[in-house]
Amino acid sequence: MAAAKPTRRQRQQPGAEAPQAPGAGKARANFTDAQMKTVLIVDDDALVLEAIDLLLSQTEGFRSIRALGVASARSDLQQARVDVLVADVILAGSTTGIELCERAIERHPAIAIVVITADSEVTRDEIPGRGIFLRKPFGGQQLLEAIDAALKRAGEKRHDRTHTE
């Protein structure tokens, strides 16, 4: 006797494999390697990193690098071509996400910046000049719009992107 197909509820049980979004993992044939934008995500919350990474993996035209903290981010900024830096303001250690962004701009003048935070005391005035400010919690579409706006401010040519859900 064949096993019954799992119900929707069974597939969403903890520990069950999460259903993939339609189009997830599909080839990004519309984007050449030069057109793909590399996004460095910096946060000290692994769940935030995972959520943003998942969003970008399901959005054409992006590839992402996760950095769990400042030390990892600095290394990634030195070793990889990064087009967009998405950084949380509050990070473990003595360097803030804002300071990380300022240093990234000094070393990589064309880098696009998105600063994210749940801290209600941080204001737009504290964000590096061309950076985009996004307060947590935010939706996936808000983040994608912020990344596109940051790329535009940094002078990058924009390409049509499709987010598959």
N, C-alpha and C. Protein backbone atom coordinates (compact mmCIF):
# COMPACT_ATOMS: atom_id res chain seq x y z
N MET A 1 0.84 -1.16 0.00
CA MET A 1 0.00 0.00 0.00
C MET A 1 0.89 1.24 0.00
N ALA A 2 0.58 2.22 -0.85
CA ALA A 2 1.38 3.44 -0.97
C ALA A 2 1.11 4.35 0.23
N ALA A 3 2.14 5.06 0.63
CA ALA A 3 1.99 6.00 1.76
C ALA A 3 1.12 7.17 1.33
N ALA A 4 0.29 7.63 2.24
CA ALA A 4 -0.59 8.76 1.95
C ALA A 4 0.23 10.03 1.81
N LYS A 5 -0.23 10.90 0.92
CA LYS A 5 0.44 12.19 0.74
C LYS A 5 0.24 13.02 2.00
N PRO A 6 1.31 13.65 2.52
CA PRO A 6 1.17 14.43 3.74
C PRO A 6 0.20 15.59 3.54
N THR A 7 -0.55 15.86 4.57
CA THR A 7 -1.47 17.00 4.51
C THR A 7 -0.69 18.28 4.69
N ARG A 8 -1.34 19.40 4.39
CA ARG A 8 -0.71 20.71 4.55
C ARG A 8 -0.24 20.88 6.00
N ARG A 9 -1.07 20.49 6.95
CA ARG A 9 -0.71 20.64 8.36
C ARG A 9 0.52 19.79 8.70
N GLN A 10 0.59 18.58 8.19
CA GLN A 10 1.73 17.72 8.48
C GLN A 10 3.02 18.31 7.91
N ARG A 11 2.95 18.90 6.74
CA ARG A 11 4.14 19.46 6.13
C ARG A 11 4.66 20.68 6.89
N GLN A 12 3.83 21.30 7.70
CA GLN A 12 4.25 22.49 8.43
C GLN A 12 4.62 22.20 9.88
N GLN A 13 4.59 20.94 10.26
CA GLN A 13 4.96 20.56 11.61
C GLN A 13 6.44 20.90 11.85
N PRO A 14 6.80 21.28 13.07
CA PRO A 14 8.21 21.53 13.37
C PRO A 14 9.04 20.31 13.00
N GLY A 15 10.17 20.56 12.38
CA GLY A 15 11.04 19.47 11.98
C GLY A 15 10.73 18.95 10.59
N ALA A 16 9.54 19.26 10.07
CA ALA A 16 9.21 18.84 8.71
C ALA A 16 9.93 19.75 7.74
N GLU A 17 10.21 19.23 6.57
CA GLU A 17 10.89 20.05 5.57
C GLU A 17 9.98 21.19 5.16
N ALA A 18 10.52 22.40 5.16
CA ALA A 18 9.73 23.58 4.79
C ALA A 18 9.46 23.56 3.29
N PRO A 19 8.22 23.89 2.89
CA PRO A 19 7.94 23.94 1.47
C PRO A 19 8.72 25.07 0.82
N GLN A 20 9.21 24.82 -0.38
CA GLN A 20 9.94 25.86 -1.10
C GLN A 20 8.97 26.78 -1.81
N ALA A 21 9.36 28.03 -1.91
CA ALA A 21 8.56 28.98 -2.66
C ALA A 21 8.64 28.62 -4.13
N PRO A 22 7.54 28.83 -4.89
CA PRO A 22 7.60 28.57 -6.32
C PRO A 22 8.73 29.37 -6.94
N GLY A 23 9.53 28.73 -7.75
CA GLY A 23 10.62 29.42 -8.42
C GLY A 23 11.90 29.46 -7.59
N ALA A 24 11.84 29.04 -6.34
CA ALA A 24 13.04 29.06 -5.50
C ALA A 24 14.06 28.11 -6.10
N GLY A 25 15.27 28.56 -6.18
CA GLY A 25 16.34 27.73 -6.70
C GLY A 25 16.38 27.65 -8.21
N LYS A 26 15.48 28.38 -8.88
CA LYS A 26 15.51 28.31 -10.34
C LYS A 26 16.72 29.08 -10.87
N ALA A 27 17.16 28.71 -12.03
CA ALA A 27 18.31 29.38 -12.63
C ALA A 27 17.99 30.84 -12.89
N ARG A 28 18.95 31.67 -12.67
CA ARG A 28 18.77 33.10 -12.90
C ARG A 28 19.40 33.45 -14.25
N ALA A 29 18.83 32.90 -15.29
CA ALA A 29 19.38 33.05 -16.63
C ALA A 29 19.31 34.48 -17.14
N ASN A 30 18.42 35.28 -16.58
CA ASN A 30 18.26 36.65 -17.05
C ASN A 30 19.39 37.56 -16.56
N PHE A 31 20.22 37.10 -15.65
CA PHE A 31 21.25 37.94 -15.07
C PHE A 31 22.62 37.33 -15.33
N THR A 32 23.50 38.13 -15.93
CA THR A 32 24.87 37.68 -16.08
C THR A 32 25.55 37.81 -14.73
N ASP A 33 26.71 37.20 -14.60
CA ASP A 33 27.44 37.29 -13.34
C ASP A 33 27.72 38.74 -12.99
N ALA A 34 28.02 39.55 -13.98
CA ALA A 34 28.31 40.97 -13.74
C ALA A 34 27.07 41.73 -13.26
N GLN A 35 25.88 41.27 -13.65
CA GLN A 35 24.65 41.95 -13.26
C GLN A 35 24.16 41.53 -11.88
N MET A 36 24.57 40.35 -11.43
CA MET A 36 24.15 39.89 -10.11
C MET A 36 24.74 40.82 -9.06
N LYS A 37 23.93 41.18 -8.09
CA LYS A 37 24.38 42.05 -7.00
C LYS A 37 24.63 41.20 -5.76
N THR A 38 25.80 41.36 -5.20
CA THR A 38 26.16 40.64 -3.98
C THR A 38 25.80 41.50 -2.78
N VAL A 39 25.00 40.93 -1.89
CA VAL A 39 24.54 41.63 -0.69
C VAL A 39 25.19 40.98 0.53
N LEU A 40 25.93 41.78 1.28
CA LEU A 40 26.51 41.32 2.54
C LEU A 40 25.53 41.69 3.64
N ILE A 41 25.02 40.69 4.35
CA ILE A 41 24.05 40.89 5.43
C ILE A 41 24.81 40.74 6.75
N VAL A 42 24.75 41.78 7.59
CA VAL A 42 25.48 41.75 8.86
C VAL A 42 24.49 41.94 10.01
N ASP A 43 24.42 40.95 10.86
CA ASP A 43 23.56 41.01 12.04
C ASP A 43 24.13 40.03 13.05
N ASP A 44 23.86 40.22 14.32
CA ASP A 44 24.31 39.24 15.30
C ASP A 44 23.18 38.31 15.71
N ASP A 45 22.09 38.36 14.96
CA ASP A 45 20.95 37.47 15.16
C ASP A 45 20.89 36.51 13.96
N ALA A 46 21.20 35.25 14.20
CA ALA A 46 21.25 34.26 13.11
C ALA A 46 19.91 34.12 12.40
N LEU A 47 18.80 34.30 13.12
CA LEU A 47 17.48 34.18 12.49
C LEU A 47 17.23 35.31 11.49
N VAL A 48 17.68 36.51 11.81
CA VAL A 48 17.55 37.64 10.89
C VAL A 48 18.39 37.37 9.64
N LEU A 49 19.61 36.91 9.84
CA LEU A 49 20.48 36.58 8.70
C LEU A 49 19.81 35.55 7.80
N GLU A 50 19.27 34.51 8.41
CA GLU A 50 18.64 33.44 7.64
C GLU A 50 17.42 33.95 6.87
N ALA A 51 16.60 34.77 7.50
CA ALA A 51 15.39 35.28 6.84
C ALA A 51 15.75 36.16 5.65
N ILE A 52 16.71 37.05 5.81
CA ILE A 52 17.10 37.93 4.71
C ILE A 52 17.77 37.12 3.61
N ASP A 53 18.61 36.17 3.98
CA ASP A 53 19.26 35.30 3.00
C ASP A 53 18.23 34.53 2.19
N LEU A 54 17.21 34.01 2.85
CA LEU A 54 16.14 33.28 2.16
C LEU A 54 15.41 34.19 1.18
N LEU A 55 15.08 35.39 1.62
CA LEU A 55 14.41 36.35 0.74
C LEU A 55 15.25 36.62 -0.51
N LEU A 56 16.52 36.89 -0.32
CA LEU A 56 17.38 37.21 -1.46
C LEU A 56 17.59 36.01 -2.37
N SER A 57 17.62 34.80 -1.79
CA SER A 57 17.79 33.60 -2.62
C SER A 57 16.58 33.35 -3.50
N GLN A 58 15.45 33.92 -3.13
CA GLN A 58 14.22 33.77 -3.91
C GLN A 58 13.95 34.98 -4.79
N THR A 59 14.91 35.89 -4.87
CA THR A 59 14.76 37.10 -5.66
C THR A 59 15.82 37.11 -6.74
N GLU A 60 15.40 37.20 -7.98
CA GLU A 60 16.35 37.18 -9.09
C GLU A 60 17.29 38.38 -9.02
N GLY A 61 18.54 38.14 -9.37
CA GLY A 61 19.51 39.21 -9.47
C GLY A 61 20.36 39.42 -8.23
N PHE A 62 20.11 38.65 -7.18
CA PHE A 62 20.88 38.80 -5.95
C PHE A 62 21.56 37.51 -5.55
N ARG A 63 22.70 37.65 -4.93
CA ARG A 63 23.35 36.57 -4.18
C ARG A 63 23.73 37.20 -2.86
N SER A 64 23.82 36.42 -1.82
CA SER A 64 24.07 37.01 -0.51
C SER A 64 25.20 36.30 0.22
N ILE A 65 25.79 37.06 1.13
CA ILE A 65 26.81 36.56 2.05
C ILE A 65 26.32 36.92 3.44
N ARG A 66 26.34 35.96 4.35
CA ARG A 66 25.92 36.22 5.74
C ARG A 66 27.15 36.46 6.61
N ALA A 67 27.06 37.48 7.46
CA ALA A 67 28.13 37.75 8.42
C ALA A 67 27.50 37.88 9.80
N LEU A 68 27.85 36.96 10.67
CA LEU A 68 27.33 36.97 12.04
C LEU A 68 28.28 37.81 12.89
N GLY A 69 28.20 39.12 12.72
CA GLY A 69 29.02 40.04 13.49
C GLY A 69 30.04 40.79 12.66
N VAL A 70 30.71 41.73 13.33
CA VAL A 70 31.62 42.67 12.67
C VAL A 70 32.87 42.00 12.11
N ALA A 71 33.50 41.12 12.86
CA ALA A 71 34.75 40.49 12.41
C ALA A 71 34.53 39.75 11.09
N SER A 72 33.48 38.99 11.03
CA SER A 72 33.16 38.26 9.80
C SER A 72 32.86 39.23 8.66
N ALA A 73 32.15 40.30 8.95
CA ALA A 73 31.81 41.29 7.92
C ALA A 73 33.06 41.96 7.36
N ARG A 74 33.98 42.33 8.23
CA ARG A 74 35.22 42.96 7.76
C ARG A 74 35.98 42.03 6.82
N SER A 75 36.06 40.77 7.18
CA SER A 75 36.74 39.79 6.34
C SER A 75 36.05 39.67 4.99
N ASP A 76 34.72 39.59 5.00
CA ASP A 76 33.97 39.47 3.75
C ASP A 76 34.14 40.71 2.88
N LEU A 77 34.18 41.88 3.49
CA LEU A 77 34.36 43.12 2.73
C LEU A 77 35.73 43.18 2.07
N GLN A 78 36.73 42.55 2.68
CA GLN A 78 38.07 42.53 2.10
C GLN A 78 38.21 41.47 1.01
N GLN A 79 37.49 40.37 1.15
CA GLN A 79 37.71 39.23 0.26
C GLN A 79 36.73 39.11 -0.89
N ALA A 80 35.57 39.72 -0.79
CA ALA A 80 34.54 39.53 -1.82
C ALA A 80 34.14 40.87 -2.43
N ARG A 81 33.62 40.81 -3.64
CA ARG A 81 33.04 42.00 -4.25
C ARG A 81 31.64 42.15 -3.66
N VAL A 82 31.43 43.19 -2.91
CA VAL A 82 30.14 43.43 -2.26
C VAL A 82 29.53 44.68 -2.87
N ASP A 83 28.30 44.55 -3.37
CA ASP A 83 27.59 45.68 -3.97
C ASP A 83 26.72 46.40 -2.95
N VAL A 84 26.16 45.64 -2.02
CA VAL A 84 25.23 46.20 -1.03
C VAL A 84 25.59 45.66 0.34
N LEU A 85 25.64 46.57 1.31
CA LEU A 85 25.85 46.19 2.70
C LEU A 85 24.57 46.46 3.46
N VAL A 86 23.96 45.39 4.01
CA VAL A 86 22.78 45.51 4.87
C VAL A 86 23.27 45.20 6.28
N ALA A 87 23.26 46.22 7.16
CA ALA A 87 23.85 46.03 8.49
C ALA A 87 22.91 46.50 9.59
N ASP A 88 22.82 45.69 10.63
CA ASP A 88 22.09 46.08 11.83
C ASP A 88 22.93 47.12 12.57
N VAL A 89 22.27 48.06 13.23
CA VAL A 89 22.99 49.10 13.98
C VAL A 89 23.66 48.50 15.21
N ILE A 90 22.91 47.72 15.97
CA ILE A 90 23.42 47.17 17.22
C ILE A 90 24.05 45.81 16.95
N LEU A 91 25.36 45.74 17.12
CA LEU A 91 26.10 44.50 16.91
C LEU A 91 26.93 44.22 18.16
N ALA A 92 27.19 42.96 18.42
CA ALA A 92 28.02 42.59 19.56
C ALA A 92 29.43 43.17 19.36
N GLY A 93 30.03 43.63 20.43
CA GLY A 93 31.37 44.20 20.33
C GLY A 93 31.34 45.72 20.37
N SER A 94 32.47 46.31 20.07
CA SER A 94 32.60 47.76 20.21
C SER A 94 32.27 48.53 18.94
N THR A 95 32.16 47.87 17.81
CA THR A 95 31.86 48.54 16.55
C THR A 95 30.38 48.43 16.25
N THR A 96 29.75 49.56 15.92
CA THR A 96 28.34 49.54 15.56
C THR A 96 28.20 49.27 14.06
N GLY A 97 26.99 48.94 13.66
CA GLY A 97 26.71 48.77 12.25
C GLY A 97 26.93 50.06 11.47
N ILE A 98 26.66 51.19 12.10
CA ILE A 98 26.87 52.48 11.44
C ILE A 98 28.36 52.70 11.18
N GLU A 99 29.19 52.40 12.17
CA GLU A 99 30.64 52.54 11.99
C GLU A 99 31.14 51.58 10.91
N LEU A 100 30.61 50.38 10.88
CA LEU A 100 30.98 49.41 9.85
C LEU A 100 30.63 49.96 8.47
N CYS A 101 29.45 50.56 8.34
CA CYS A 101 29.04 51.14 7.05
C CYS A 101 29.95 52.28 6.64
N GLU A 102 30.30 53.14 7.59
CA GLU A 102 31.20 54.27 7.28
C GLU A 102 32.55 53.77 6.78
N ARG A 103 33.09 52.76 7.44
CA ARG A 103 34.37 52.18 7.00
C ARG A 103 34.25 51.51 5.64
N ALA A 104 33.12 50.85 5.41
CA ALA A 104 32.90 50.20 4.12
C ALA A 104 32.87 51.24 2.99
N ILE A 105 32.23 52.37 3.24
CA ILE A 105 32.16 53.44 2.23
C ILE A 105 33.56 53.99 1.95
N GLU A 106 34.38 54.15 2.99
CA GLU A 106 35.76 54.63 2.80
C GLU A 106 36.55 53.70 1.90
N ARG A 107 36.41 52.40 2.12
CA ARG A 107 37.18 51.41 1.35
C ARG A 107 36.55 51.09 0.00
N HIS A 108 35.23 51.19 -0.09
CA HIS A 108 34.49 50.83 -1.30
C HIS A 108 33.50 51.95 -1.61
N PRO A 109 33.95 53.02 -2.24
CA PRO A 109 33.09 54.19 -2.43
C PRO A 109 31.78 53.93 -3.17
N ALA A 110 31.71 52.87 -3.96
CA ALA A 110 30.48 52.60 -4.73
C ALA A 110 29.50 51.69 -4.00
N ILE A 111 29.82 51.28 -2.78
CA ILE A 111 28.95 50.33 -2.08
C ILE A 111 27.63 50.98 -1.70
N ALA A 112 26.55 50.24 -1.86
CA ALA A 112 25.21 50.69 -1.44
C ALA A 112 25.00 50.26 0.01
N ILE A 113 24.30 51.10 0.77
CA ILE A 113 24.16 50.86 2.21
C ILE A 113 22.69 50.84 2.61
N VAL A 114 22.31 49.79 3.37
CA VAL A 114 21.00 49.73 4.02
C VAL A 114 21.27 49.44 5.49
N VAL A 115 20.80 50.33 6.36
CA VAL A 115 20.98 50.16 7.80
C VAL A 115 19.64 49.74 8.39
N ILE A 116 19.65 48.64 9.15
CA ILE A 116 18.42 48.13 9.77
C ILE A 116 18.57 48.18 11.28
N THR A 117 17.46 48.42 11.97
CA THR A 117 17.51 48.43 13.43
C THR A 117 16.12 48.29 14.03
N ALA A 118 16.09 47.71 15.22
CA ALA A 118 14.86 47.68 16.01
C ALA A 118 14.94 48.73 17.12
N ASP A 119 16.08 49.39 17.23
CA ASP A 119 16.30 50.40 18.27
C ASP A 119 15.53 51.67 17.92
N SER A 120 14.55 52.00 18.74
CA SER A 120 13.69 53.16 18.45
C SER A 120 14.42 54.48 18.66
N GLU A 121 15.58 54.47 19.29
CA GLU A 121 16.31 55.72 19.53
C GLU A 121 17.23 56.10 18.37
N VAL A 122 17.50 55.18 17.46
CA VAL A 122 18.34 55.48 16.31
C VAL A 122 17.51 56.30 15.32
N THR A 123 18.11 57.36 14.79
CA THR A 123 17.40 58.22 13.84
C THR A 123 18.09 58.21 12.48
N ARG A 124 17.38 58.64 11.49
CA ARG A 124 17.88 58.72 10.12
C ARG A 124 19.15 59.57 10.05
N ASP A 125 19.25 60.58 10.90
CA ASP A 125 20.40 61.49 10.89
C ASP A 125 21.71 60.78 11.21
N GLU A 126 21.64 59.64 11.87
CA GLU A 126 22.85 58.90 12.26
C GLU A 126 23.37 58.01 11.13
N ILE A 127 22.59 57.84 10.09
CA ILE A 127 22.93 56.92 9.01
C ILE A 127 23.85 57.63 8.02
N PRO A 128 24.90 56.94 7.50
CA PRO A 128 25.77 57.58 6.51
C PRO A 128 24.95 58.17 5.36
N GLY A 129 25.36 59.34 4.90
CA GLY A 129 24.66 60.15 3.92
C GLY A 129 23.79 59.47 2.90
N ARG A 130 24.33 58.55 2.14
CA ARG A 130 23.52 57.94 1.07
C ARG A 130 22.83 56.66 1.52
N GLY A 131 23.00 56.28 2.77
CA GLY A 131 22.42 55.04 3.27
C GLY A 131 20.90 55.12 3.38
N ILE A 132 20.27 53.97 3.26
CA ILE A 132 18.83 53.83 3.43
C ILE A 132 18.59 53.28 4.83
N PHE A 133 17.62 53.83 5.51
CA PHE A 133 17.31 53.47 6.89
C PHE A 133 16.02 52.66 6.92
N LEU A 134 16.05 51.51 7.57
CA LEU A 134 14.88 50.64 7.63
C LEU A 134 14.72 50.13 9.06
N ARG A 135 13.56 50.43 9.65
CA ARG A 135 13.32 50.03 11.03
C ARG A 135 12.67 48.65 11.08
N LYS A 136 13.20 47.78 11.97
CA LYS A 136 12.63 46.46 12.19
C LYS A 136 11.36 46.62 13.03
N PRO A 137 10.39 45.78 12.86
CA PRO A 137 10.29 44.73 11.85
C PRO A 137 9.89 45.33 10.50
N PHE A 138 10.35 44.71 9.44
CA PHE A 138 10.00 45.15 8.10
C PHE A 138 9.65 43.93 7.26
N GLY A 139 8.95 44.17 6.18
CA GLY A 139 8.57 43.09 5.27
C GLY A 139 9.61 42.89 4.19
N GLY A 140 9.52 41.76 3.52
CA GLY A 140 10.45 41.44 2.45
C GLY A 140 10.44 42.47 1.34
N GLN A 141 9.24 42.90 0.94
CA GLN A 141 9.15 43.89 -0.13
C GLN A 141 9.79 45.20 0.28
N GLN A 142 9.61 45.59 1.54
CA GLN A 142 10.25 46.82 2.04
C GLN A 142 11.77 46.73 1.94
N LEU A 143 12.32 45.58 2.29
CA LEU A 143 13.76 45.41 2.22
C LEU A 143 14.24 45.47 0.77
N LEU A 144 13.53 44.79 -0.13
CA LEU A 144 13.93 44.81 -1.54
C LEU A 144 13.88 46.23 -2.10
N GLU A 145 12.86 46.99 -1.72
CA GLU A 145 12.76 48.38 -2.17
C GLU A 145 13.90 49.21 -1.58
N ALA A 146 14.26 48.96 -0.33
CA ALA A 146 15.37 49.68 0.29
C ALA A 146 16.69 49.35 -0.40
N ILE A 147 16.89 48.09 -0.75
CA ILE A 147 18.12 47.69 -1.46
C ILE A 147 18.17 48.37 -2.82
N ASP A 148 17.06 48.36 -3.55
CA ASP A 148 17.04 49.03 -4.86
C ASP A 148 17.31 50.53 -4.72
N ALA A 149 16.72 51.16 -3.71
CA ALA A 149 16.94 52.59 -3.48
C ALA A 149 18.41 52.86 -3.13
N ALA A 150 19.00 51.98 -2.33
CA ALA A 150 20.41 52.13 -1.96
C ALA A 150 21.31 51.99 -3.18
N LEU A 151 20.99 51.02 -4.05
CA LEU A 151 21.77 50.86 -5.28
C LEU A 151 21.66 52.10 -6.15
N LYS A 152 20.47 52.65 -6.23
CA LYS A 152 20.26 53.86 -7.03
C LYS A 152 21.07 55.02 -6.45
N ARG A 153 21.02 55.19 -5.14
CA ARG A 153 21.80 56.26 -4.50
C ARG A 153 23.29 56.08 -4.71
N ALA A 154 23.73 54.84 -4.74
CA ALA A 154 25.16 54.56 -4.92
C ALA A 154 25.57 54.63 -6.39
N GLY A 155 24.61 54.86 -7.27
CA GLY A 155 24.92 55.03 -8.68
C GLY A 155 24.93 53.75 -9.49
N GLU A 156 24.46 52.66 -8.91
CA GLU A 156 24.42 51.40 -9.64
C GLU A 156 23.26 51.40 -10.62
N LYS A 157 23.49 50.75 -11.75
CA LYS A 157 22.40 50.57 -12.71
C LYS A 157 21.45 49.53 -12.14
N ARG A 158 20.17 49.86 -12.19
CA ARG A 158 19.17 48.93 -11.67
C ARG A 158 18.73 47.97 -12.77
N HIS A 159 18.42 46.76 -12.36
CA HIS A 159 17.91 45.74 -13.26
C HIS A 159 16.57 45.27 -12.72
N ASP A 160 15.68 44.88 -13.61
CA ASP A 160 14.40 44.35 -13.16
C ASP A 160 14.66 43.06 -12.40
N ARG A 161 14.01 42.96 -11.26
CA ARG A 161 14.14 41.75 -10.44
C ARG A 161 12.77 41.19 -10.18
N THR A 162 12.71 39.91 -10.06
CA THR A 162 11.46 39.25 -9.73
C THR A 162 11.66 38.50 -8.44
N HIS A 163 10.79 38.79 -7.47
CA HIS A 163 10.81 38.02 -6.22
C HIS A 163 9.76 36.94 -6.36
N THR A 164 10.16 35.70 -6.19
CA THR A 164 9.22 34.59 -6.30
C THR A 164 8.78 34.19 -4.91
N GLU A 165 7.49 34.10 -4.72
CA GLU A 165 6.97 33.69 -3.41
C GLU A 165 6.29 32.36 -3.53
